């Protein structure tokens, strides 16, 4: 059998959950960028084109790209933010 021994699973699970919550809190505390008046919100298709990626990649990495969630489950992406990410 592969994996962790059963006797260490509770401690491992607790530590993993603590790390997950720490990461979530850090993300929530991250400063939010003020939208620029000349920034444009792009559709996922437009974001894929700007990034040179497939549409499925944009959806898979949406949380990393900082989406703006619109009513009706629509996503949009800041053109300025995508440009900065592309320069990294």
PDB file of N, CA and C in Angstrom:
ATOM      1  N   UNK A   1       0.843  -1.189   0.000  1.00  0.00           N
ATOM      2  CA  UNK A   1       0.000   0.000   0.000  1.00  0.00           C
ATOM      3  C   UNK A   1       0.880   1.242   0.000  1.00  0.00           C
ATOM      4  N   UNK A   2       0.493   2.240  -0.743  1.00  0.00           N
ATOM      5  CA  UNK A   2       1.249   3.487  -0.835  1.00  0.00           C
ATOM      6  C   UNK A   2       0.513   4.587  -0.089  1.00  0.00           C
ATOM      7  N   UNK A   3       1.237   5.625   0.273  1.00  0.00           N
ATOM      8  CA  UNK A   3       0.604   6.762   0.927  1.00  0.00           C
ATOM      9  C   UNK A   3       1.040   6.886   2.371  1.00  0.00           C
ATOM     10  N   UNK A   4       0.336   7.712   3.084  1.00  0.00           N
ATOM     11  CA  UNK A   4       0.656   7.972   4.487  1.00  0.00           C
ATOM     12  C   UNK A   4       0.067   6.895   5.382  1.00  0.00           C
ATOM     13  N   UNK A   5       0.776   6.574   6.464  1.00  0.00           N
ATOM     14  CA  UNK A   5       0.197   5.641   7.433  1.00  0.00           C
ATOM     15  C   UNK A   5      -1.056   6.257   8.052  1.00  0.00           C
ATOM     16  N   UNK A   6      -2.010   5.429   8.381  1.00  0.00           N
ATOM     17  CA  UNK A   6      -3.293   5.889   8.912  1.00  0.00           C
ATOM     18  C   UNK A   6      -3.142   6.702  10.191  1.00  0.00           C
ATOM     19  N   UNK A   7      -2.137   6.400  10.999  1.00  0.00           N
ATOM     20  CA  UNK A   7      -2.008   7.097  12.280  1.00  0.00           C
ATOM     21  C   UNK A   7      -1.540   8.542  12.129  1.00  0.00           C
ATOM     22  N   UNK A   8      -0.980   8.919  10.986  1.00  0.00           N
ATOM     23  CA  UNK A   8      -0.534  10.305  10.796  1.00  0.00           C
ATOM     24  C   UNK A   8      -1.522  11.136   9.971  1.00  0.00           C
ATOM     25  N   UNK A   9      -2.529  10.489   9.413  1.00  0.00           N
ATOM     26  CA  UNK A   9      -3.483  11.213   8.566  1.00  0.00           C
ATOM     27  C   UNK A   9      -4.204  12.357   9.278  1.00  0.00           C
ATOM     28  N   UNK A  10      -4.688  12.181  10.512  1.00  0.00           N
ATOM     29  CA  UNK A  10      -5.369  13.317  11.152  1.00  0.00           C
ATOM     30  C   UNK A  10      -4.477  14.545  11.312  1.00  0.00           C
ATOM     31  N   UNK A  11      -3.244  14.349  11.756  1.00  0.00           N
ATOM     32  CA  UNK A  11      -2.336  15.494  11.924  1.00  0.00           C
ATOM     33  C   UNK A  11      -2.003  16.110  10.566  1.00  0.00           C
ATOM     34  N   UNK A  12      -1.738  15.262   9.577  1.00  0.00           N
ATOM     35  CA  UNK A  12      -1.421  15.750   8.241  1.00  0.00           C
ATOM     36  C   UNK A  12      -2.584  16.552   7.674  1.00  0.00           C
ATOM     37  N   UNK A  13      -3.781  16.027   7.822  1.00  0.00           N
ATOM     38  CA  UNK A  13      -4.970  16.704   7.320  1.00  0.00           C
ATOM     39  C   UNK A  13      -5.159  18.061   7.996  1.00  0.00           C
ATOM     40  N   UNK A  14      -4.931  18.113   9.309  1.00  0.00           N
ATOM     41  CA  UNK A  14      -5.053  19.378  10.043  1.00  0.00           C
ATOM     42  C   UNK A  14      -4.043  20.407   9.582  1.00  0.00           C
ATOM     43  N   UNK A  15      -2.813  19.969   9.383  1.00  0.00           N
ATOM     44  CA  UNK A  15      -1.772  20.903   8.915  1.00  0.00           C
ATOM     45  C   UNK A  15      -2.065  21.390   7.502  1.00  0.00           C
ATOM     46  N   UNK A  16      -2.532  20.488   6.665  1.00  0.00           N
ATOM     47  CA  UNK A  16      -2.870  20.864   5.290  1.00  0.00           C
ATOM     48  C   UNK A  16      -3.993  21.899   5.268  1.00  0.00           C
ATOM     49  N   UNK A  17      -4.995  21.700   6.106  1.00  0.00           N
ATOM     50  CA  UNK A  17      -6.105  22.656   6.185  1.00  0.00           C
ATOM     51  C   UNK A  17      -5.615  24.007   6.700  1.00  0.00           C
ATOM     52  N   UNK A  18      -4.707  23.998   7.675  1.00  0.00           N
ATOM     53  CA  UNK A  18      -4.154  25.253   8.198  1.00  0.00           C
ATOM     54  C   UNK A  18      -3.403  26.004   7.101  1.00  0.00           C
ATOM     55  N   UNK A  19      -2.632  25.291   6.294  1.00  0.00           N
ATOM     56  CA  UNK A  19      -1.912  25.930   5.184  1.00  0.00           C
ATOM     57  C   UNK A  19      -2.881  26.503   4.155  1.00  0.00           C
ATOM     58  N   UNK A  20      -3.938  25.755   3.867  1.00  0.00           N
ATOM     59  CA  UNK A  20      -4.931  26.221   2.898  1.00  0.00           C
ATOM     60  C   UNK A  20      -5.592  27.509   3.383  1.00  0.00           C
ATOM     61  N   UNK A  21      -5.944  27.546   4.650  1.00  0.00           N
ATOM     62  CA  UNK A  21      -6.583  28.742   5.199  1.00  0.00           C
ATOM     63  C   UNK A  21      -5.619  29.925   5.250  1.00  0.00           C
ATOM     64  N   UNK A  22      -4.351  29.662   5.564  1.00  0.00           N
ATOM     65  CA  UNK A  22      -3.350  30.730   5.567  1.00  0.00           C
ATOM     66  C   UNK A  22      -3.221  31.337   4.175  1.00  0.00           C
ATOM     67  N   UNK A  23      -3.155  30.485   3.157  1.00  0.00           N
ATOM     68  CA  UNK A  23      -3.054  30.978   1.780  1.00  0.00           C
ATOM     69  C   UNK A  23      -4.297  31.778   1.396  1.00  0.00           C
ATOM     70  N   UNK A  24      -5.456  31.302   1.796  1.00  0.00           N
ATOM     71  CA  UNK A  24      -6.699  32.008   1.492  1.00  0.00           C
ATOM     72  C   UNK A  24      -6.731  33.377   2.159  1.00  0.00           C
ATOM     73  N   UNK A  25      -6.345  33.445   3.420  1.00  0.00           N
ATOM     74  CA  UNK A  25      -6.332  34.731   4.129  1.00  0.00           C
ATOM     75  C   UNK A  25      -5.343  35.706   3.505  1.00  0.00           C
ATOM     76  N   UNK A  26      -4.190  35.212   3.103  1.00  0.00           N
ATOM     77  CA  UNK A  26      -3.210  36.093   2.445  1.00  0.00           C
ATOM     78  C   UNK A  26      -3.767  36.638   1.142  1.00  0.00           C
ATOM     79  N   UNK A  27      -4.439  35.786   0.397  1.00  0.00           N
ATOM     80  CA  UNK A  27      -5.024  36.235  -0.873  1.00  0.00           C
ATOM     81  C   UNK A  27      -6.111  37.274  -0.634  1.00  0.00           C
ATOM     82  N   UNK A  28      -6.899  37.075   0.407  1.00  0.00           N
ATOM     83  CA  UNK A  28      -7.966  38.027   0.700  1.00  0.00           C
ATOM     84  C   UNK A  28      -7.430  39.354   1.200  1.00  0.00           C
ATOM     85  N   UNK A  29      -6.274  39.335   1.850  1.00  0.00           N
ATOM     86  CA  UNK A  29      -5.684  40.566   2.375  1.00  0.00           C
ATOM     87  C   UNK A  29      -4.842  41.301   1.344  1.00  0.00           C
ATOM     88  N   UNK A  30      -4.584  40.662   0.200  1.00  0.00           N
ATOM     89  CA  UNK A  30      -3.758  41.293  -0.830  1.00  0.00           C
ATOM     90  C   UNK A  30      -4.425  42.582  -1.279  1.00  0.00           C
ATOM     91  N   UNK A  31      -3.635  43.626  -1.479  1.00  0.00           N
ATOM     92  CA  UNK A  31      -4.234  44.898  -1.895  1.00  0.00           C
ATOM     93  C   UNK A  31      -4.942  44.748  -3.236  1.00  0.00           C
ATOM     94  N   UNK A  32      -6.111  45.293  -3.309  1.00  0.00           N
ATOM     95  CA  UNK A  32      -6.881  45.263  -4.549  1.00  0.00           C
ATOM     96  C   UNK A  32      -6.451  46.429  -5.425  1.00  0.00           C
ATOM     97  N   UNK A  33      -6.276  46.139  -6.678  1.00  0.00           N
ATOM     98  CA  UNK A  33      -5.873  47.182  -7.611  1.00  0.00           C
ATOM     99  C   UNK A  33      -7.077  48.054  -7.956  1.00  0.00           C
ATOM    100  N   UNK A  34      -6.873  49.343  -7.906  1.00  0.00           N
ATOM    101  CA  UNK A  34      -7.936  50.259  -8.323  1.00  0.00           C
ATOM    102  C   UNK A  34      -7.994  50.251  -9.844  1.00  0.00           C
ATOM    103  N   UNK A  35      -9.165  50.058 -10.410  1.00  0.00           N
ATOM    104  CA  UNK A  35      -9.246  50.038 -11.866  1.00  0.00           C
ATOM    105  C   UNK A  35      -8.925  51.404 -12.449  1.00  0.00           C
ATOM    106  N   UNK A  36      -8.183  51.388 -13.499  1.00  0.00           N
ATOM    107  CA  UNK A  36      -7.819  52.613 -14.193  1.00  0.00           C
ATOM    108  C   UNK A  36      -8.982  53.031 -15.085  1.00  0.00           C
ATOM    109  N   UNK A  37      -9.129  54.315 -15.263  1.00  0.00           N
ATOM    110  CA  UNK A  37     -10.240  54.798 -16.090  1.00  0.00           C
ATOM    111  C   UNK A  37     -10.071  54.396 -17.553  1.00  0.00           C
ATOM    112  N   UNK A  38      -8.843  54.115 -17.967  1.00  0.00           N
ATOM    113  CA  UNK A  38      -8.631  53.717 -19.358  1.00  0.00           C
ATOM    114  C   UNK A  38      -8.455  52.202 -19.501  1.00  0.00           C
ATOM    115  N   UNK A  39      -8.673  51.455 -18.410  1.00  0.00           N
ATOM    116  CA  UNK A  39      -8.592  49.999 -18.463  1.00  0.00           C
ATOM    117  C   UNK A  39      -9.862  49.462 -19.118  1.00  0.00           C
ATOM    118  N   UNK A  40      -9.732  48.336 -19.747  1.00  0.00           N
ATOM    119  CA  UNK A  40     -10.868  47.715 -20.419  1.00  0.00           C
ATOM    120  C   UNK A  40     -11.024  46.298 -19.892  1.00  0.00           C
ATOM    121  N   UNK A  41     -12.247  45.861 -19.679  1.00  0.00           N
ATOM    122  CA  UNK A  41     -12.497  44.488 -19.264  1.00  0.00           C
ATOM    123  C   UNK A  41     -12.658  43.618 -20.506  1.00  0.00           C
ATOM    124  N   UNK A  42     -11.893  42.533 -20.528  1.00  0.00           N
ATOM    125  CA  UNK A  42     -11.883  41.641 -21.683  1.00  0.00           C
ATOM    126  C   UNK A  42     -12.669  40.375 -21.392  1.00  0.00           C
ATOM    127  N   UNK A  43     -13.291  39.844 -22.417  1.00  0.00           N
ATOM    128  CA  UNK A  43     -13.971  38.557 -22.308  1.00  0.00           C
ATOM    129  C   UNK A  43     -12.901  37.465 -22.186  1.00  0.00           C
ATOM    130  N   UNK A  44     -13.272  36.275 -21.752  1.00  0.00           N
ATOM    131  CA  UNK A  44     -12.294  35.188 -21.706  1.00  0.00           C
ATOM    132  C   UNK A  44     -11.656  34.917 -23.074  1.00  0.00           C
ATOM    133  N   UNK A  45     -12.440  35.035 -24.143  1.00  0.00           N
ATOM    134  CA  UNK A  45     -11.892  34.823 -25.485  1.00  0.00           C
ATOM    135  C   UNK A  45     -10.833  35.878 -25.809  1.00  0.00           C
ATOM    136  N   UNK A  46     -11.127  37.136 -25.470  1.00  0.00           N
ATOM    137  CA  UNK A  46     -10.159  38.211 -25.720  1.00  0.00           C
ATOM    138  C   UNK A  46      -8.918  38.027 -24.854  1.00  0.00           C
ATOM    139  N   UNK A  47      -9.113  37.606 -23.608  1.00  0.00           N
ATOM    140  CA  UNK A  47      -7.978  37.371 -22.712  1.00  0.00           C
ATOM    141  C   UNK A  47      -7.082  36.272 -23.269  1.00  0.00           C
ATOM    142  N   UNK A  48      -7.686  35.213 -23.789  1.00  0.00           N
ATOM    143  CA  UNK A  48      -6.910  34.123 -24.376  1.00  0.00           C
ATOM    144  C   UNK A  48      -6.062  34.634 -25.532  1.00  0.00           C
ATOM    145  N   UNK A  49      -6.640  35.491 -26.353  1.00  0.00           N
ATOM    146  CA  UNK A  49      -5.913  36.059 -27.484  1.00  0.00           C
ATOM    147  C   UNK A  49      -4.751  36.930 -27.016  1.00  0.00           C
ATOM    148  N   UNK A  50      -5.013  37.785 -26.027  1.00  0.00           N
ATOM    149  CA  UNK A  50      -3.964  38.670 -25.494  1.00  0.00           C
ATOM    150  C   UNK A  50      -2.814  37.855 -24.917  1.00  0.00           C
ATOM    151  N   UNK A  51      -3.147  36.766 -24.214  1.00  0.00           N
ATOM    152  CA  UNK A  51      -2.128  35.953 -23.551  1.00  0.00           C
ATOM    153  C   UNK A  51      -1.503  34.908 -24.465  1.00  0.00           C
ATOM    154  N   UNK A  52      -2.077  34.730 -25.646  1.00  0.00           N
ATOM    155  CA  UNK A  52      -1.562  33.701 -26.547  1.00  0.00           C
ATOM    156  C   UNK A  52      -1.817  32.299 -26.010  1.00  0.00           C
ATOM    157  N   UNK A  53      -2.949  32.127 -25.340  1.00  0.00           N
ATOM    158  CA  UNK A  53      -3.302  30.845 -24.737  1.00  0.00           C
ATOM    159  C   UNK A  53      -4.646  30.384 -25.288  1.00  0.00           C
ATOM    160  N   UNK A  54      -4.949  29.130 -25.011  1.00  0.00           N
ATOM    161  CA  UNK A  54      -6.255  28.586 -25.382  1.00  0.00           C
ATOM    162  C   UNK A  54      -7.307  29.091 -24.401  1.00  0.00           C
ATOM    163  N   UNK A  55      -8.536  29.126 -24.836  1.00  0.00           N
ATOM    164  CA  UNK A  55      -9.641  29.545 -23.986  1.00  0.00           C
ATOM    165  C   UNK A  55      -9.738  28.658 -22.742  1.00  0.00           C
ATOM    166  N   UNK A  56      -9.545  27.359 -22.905  1.00  0.00           N
ATOM    167  CA  UNK A  56      -9.614  26.446 -21.755  1.00  0.00           C
ATOM    168  C   UNK A  56      -8.538  26.782 -20.725  1.00  0.00           C
ATOM    169  N   UNK A  57      -7.365  27.246 -21.179  1.00  0.00           N
ATOM    170  CA  UNK A  57      -6.291  27.631 -20.252  1.00  0.00           C
ATOM    171  C   UNK A  57      -6.723  28.840 -19.425  1.00  0.00           C
ATOM    172  N   UNK A  58      -7.372  29.795 -20.064  1.00  0.00           N
ATOM    173  CA  UNK A  58      -7.839  30.991 -19.347  1.00  0.00           C
ATOM    174  C   UNK A  58      -8.815  30.590 -18.249  1.00  0.00           C
ATOM    175  N   UNK A  59      -9.758  29.707 -18.562  1.00  0.00           N
ATOM    176  CA  UNK A  59     -10.709  29.261 -17.536  1.00  0.00           C
ATOM    177  C   UNK A  59      -9.999  28.478 -16.430  1.00  0.00           C
ATOM    178  N   UNK A  60      -9.054  27.630 -16.805  1.00  0.00           N
ATOM    179  CA  UNK A  60      -8.322  26.840 -15.802  1.00  0.00           C
ATOM    180  C   UNK A  60      -7.505  27.722 -14.865  1.00  0.00           C
ATOM    181  N   UNK A  61      -7.017  28.863 -15.358  1.00  0.00           N
ATOM    182  CA  UNK A  61      -6.152  29.750 -14.574  1.00  0.00           C
ATOM    183  C   UNK A  61      -6.841  31.062 -14.200  1.00  0.00           C
ATOM    184  N   UNK A  62      -8.154  31.091 -14.293  1.00  0.00           N
ATOM    185  CA  UNK A  62      -8.900  32.336 -14.069  1.00  0.00           C
ATOM    186  C   UNK A  62      -8.576  32.975 -12.726  1.00  0.00           C
ATOM    187  N   UNK A  63      -8.529  32.197 -11.660  1.00  0.00           N
ATOM    188  CA  UNK A  63      -8.278  32.788 -10.340  1.00  0.00           C
ATOM    189  C   UNK A  63      -6.899  33.429 -10.255  1.00  0.00           C
ATOM    190  N   UNK A  64      -5.931  32.890 -10.969  1.00  0.00           N
ATOM    191  CA  UNK A  64      -4.588  33.477 -10.987  1.00  0.00           C
ATOM    192  C   UNK A  64      -4.563  34.777 -11.791  1.00  0.00           C
ATOM    193  N   UNK A  65      -5.486  34.921 -12.710  1.00  0.00           N
ATOM    194  CA  UNK A  65      -5.521  36.092 -13.589  1.00  0.00           C
ATOM    195  C   UNK A  65      -6.321  37.247 -13.001  1.00  0.00           C
ATOM    196  N   UNK A  66      -6.946  37.032 -11.862  1.00  0.00           N
ATOM    197  CA  UNK A  66      -7.696  38.103 -11.201  1.00  0.00           C
ATOM    198  C   UNK A  66      -8.963  38.483 -11.929  1.00  0.00           C
ATOM    199  N   UNK A  67      -9.899  37.559 -12.041  1.00  0.00           N
ATOM    200  CA  UNK A  67     -11.109  37.859 -12.809  1.00  0.00           C
ATOM    201  C   UNK A  67     -12.034  38.828 -12.098  1.00  0.00           C
ATOM    202  N   UNK A  68     -12.836  39.512 -12.887  1.00  0.00           N
ATOM    203  CA  UNK A  68     -13.955  40.298 -12.382  1.00  0.00           C
ATOM    204  C   UNK A  68     -15.177  39.437 -12.661  1.00  0.00           C
ATOM    205  N   UNK A  69     -15.897  39.082 -11.614  1.00  0.00           N
ATOM    206  CA  UNK A  69     -17.067  38.216 -11.778  1.00  0.00           C
ATOM    207  C   UNK A  69     -18.319  39.078 -11.921  1.00  0.00           C
ATOM    208  N   UNK A  70     -18.966  38.929 -13.058  1.00  0.00           N
ATOM    209  CA  UNK A  70     -20.182  39.681 -13.351  1.00  0.00           C
ATOM    210  C   UNK A  70     -21.403  38.824 -13.038  1.00  0.00           C
ATOM    211  N   UNK A  71     -22.558  39.454 -12.892  1.00  0.00           N
ATOM    212  CA  UNK A  71     -23.780  38.673 -12.673  1.00  0.00           C
ATOM    213  C   UNK A  71     -23.980  37.662 -13.799  1.00  0.00           C
ATOM    214  N   UNK A  72     -24.543  36.528 -13.453  1.00  0.00           N
ATOM    215  CA  UNK A  72     -24.773  35.501 -14.464  1.00  0.00           C
ATOM    216  C   UNK A  72     -23.562  34.628 -14.701  1.00  0.00           C
ATOM    217  N   UNK A  73     -22.623  34.634 -13.774  1.00  0.00           N
ATOM    218  CA  UNK A  73     -21.413  33.802 -13.824  1.00  0.00           C
ATOM    219  C   UNK A  73     -20.455  34.190 -14.948  1.00  0.00           C
ATOM    220  N   UNK A  74     -20.589  35.368 -15.502  1.00  0.00           N
ATOM    221  CA  UNK A  74     -19.672  35.834 -16.539  1.00  0.00           C
ATOM    222  C   UNK A  74     -18.367  36.296 -15.914  1.00  0.00           C
ATOM    223  N   UNK A  75     -17.282  36.053 -16.620  1.00  0.00           N
ATOM    224  CA  UNK A  75     -15.963  36.510 -16.186  1.00  0.00           C
ATOM    225  C   UNK A  75     -15.441  37.549 -17.159  1.00  0.00           C
ATOM    226  N   UNK A  76     -14.736  38.515 -16.623  1.00  0.00           N
ATOM    227  CA  UNK A  76     -14.016  39.495 -17.428  1.00  0.00           C
ATOM    228  C   UNK A  76     -12.644  39.673 -16.793  1.00  0.00           C
ATOM    229  N   UNK A  77     -11.693  40.118 -17.603  1.00  0.00           N
ATOM    230  CA  UNK A  77     -10.318  40.266 -17.144  1.00  0.00           C
ATOM    231  C   UNK A  77      -9.803  41.651 -17.500  1.00  0.00           C
ATOM    232  N   UNK A  78      -9.099  42.260 -16.567  1.00  0.00           N
ATOM    233  CA  UNK A  78      -8.530  43.585 -16.780  1.00  0.00           C
ATOM    234  C   UNK A  78      -7.440  43.504 -17.844  1.00  0.00           C
ATOM    235  N   UNK A  79      -7.584  44.317 -18.874  1.00  0.00           N
ATOM    236  CA  UNK A  79      -6.592  44.347 -19.942  1.00  0.00           C
ATOM    237  C   UNK A  79      -5.241  44.804 -19.394  1.00  0.00           C
ATOM    238  N   UNK A  80      -5.243  45.797 -18.509  1.00  0.00           N
ATOM    239  CA  UNK A  80      -3.991  46.300 -17.932  1.00  0.00           C
ATOM    240  C   UNK A  80      -3.308  45.221 -17.098  1.00  0.00           C
ATOM    241  N   UNK A  81      -4.079  44.489 -16.303  1.00  0.00           N
ATOM    242  CA  UNK A  81      -3.494  43.425 -15.476  1.00  0.00           C
ATOM    243  C   UNK A  81      -2.906  42.321 -16.351  1.00  0.00           C
ATOM    244  N   UNK A  82      -3.621  41.936 -17.397  1.00  0.00           N
ATOM    245  CA  UNK A  82      -3.105  40.901 -18.289  1.00  0.00           C
ATOM    246  C   UNK A  82      -1.819  41.357 -18.963  1.00  0.00           C
ATOM    247  N   UNK A  83      -1.752  42.638 -19.322  1.00  0.00           N
ATOM    248  CA  UNK A  83      -0.530  43.165 -19.939  1.00  0.00           C
ATOM    249  C   UNK A  83       0.636  43.076 -18.957  1.00  0.00           C
ATOM    250  N   UNK A  84       0.383  43.401 -17.687  1.00  0.00           N
ATOM    251  CA  UNK A  84       1.447  43.300 -16.670  1.00  0.00           C
ATOM    252  C   UNK A  84       1.860  41.849 -16.464  1.00  0.00           C
ATOM    253  N   UNK A  85       0.900  40.944 -16.432  1.00  0.00           N
ATOM    254  CA  UNK A  85       1.224  39.528 -16.261  1.00  0.00           C
ATOM    255  C   UNK A  85       2.039  39.010 -17.440  1.00  0.00           C
ATOM    256  N   UNK A  86       1.718  39.500 -18.635  1.00  0.00           N
ATOM    257  CA  UNK A  86       2.446  39.074 -19.823  1.00  0.00           C
ATOM    258  C   UNK A  86       3.884  39.542 -19.851  1.00  0.00           C
ATOM    259  N   UNK A  87       4.178  40.626 -19.128  1.00  0.00           N
ATOM    260  CA  UNK A  87       5.553  41.148 -19.096  1.00  0.00           C
ATOM    261  C   UNK A  87       6.426  40.431 -18.080  1.00  0.00           C
ATOM    262  N   UNK A  88       5.838  39.615 -17.229  1.00  0.00           N
ATOM    263  CA  UNK A  88       6.619  38.904 -16.198  1.00  0.00           C
ATOM    264  C   UNK A  88       7.420  37.788 -16.773  1.00  0.00           C
TER     265      UNK A  88
END
